[in-house]
């Protein structure tokens, strides 16, 4: 798996988590 892709996915997942927590 491409490291840059993995990093992007990790960042996206982090943003999603933060957004969800903020919504709550």
Protein backbone atom coordinates (compact mmCIF):
# COMPACT_ATOMS: atom_id res chain seq x y z
CA UNK A 1 0.00 0.00 0.00
CA UNK A 2 1.21 3.48 -0.84
CA UNK A 3 2.48 5.32 2.28
CA UNK A 4 1.13 8.66 1.05
CA UNK A 5 -2.27 7.12 0.49
CA UNK A 6 -2.22 5.59 3.96
CA UNK A 7 -1.27 8.97 5.42
CA UNK A 8 -4.13 10.65 3.55
CA UNK A 9 -6.59 8.04 4.78
CA UNK A 10 -5.33 8.49 8.35
CA UNK A 11 -5.74 12.27 8.09
CA UNK A 12 -9.22 11.92 6.63
CA UNK A 13 -10.19 9.52 9.40
CA UNK A 14 -8.87 11.96 12.02
CA UNK A 15 -10.88 14.83 10.53
CA UNK A 16 -13.99 12.65 10.45
CA UNK A 17 -13.53 11.71 14.11
CA UNK A 18 -13.04 15.33 15.15
CA UNK A 19 -16.09 16.41 13.17
CA UNK A 20 -18.22 13.70 14.76
CA UNK A 21 -17.05 14.60 18.26
CA UNK A 22 -17.74 18.28 17.62
CA UNK A 23 -21.22 17.47 16.33
CA UNK A 24 -21.99 15.61 19.55
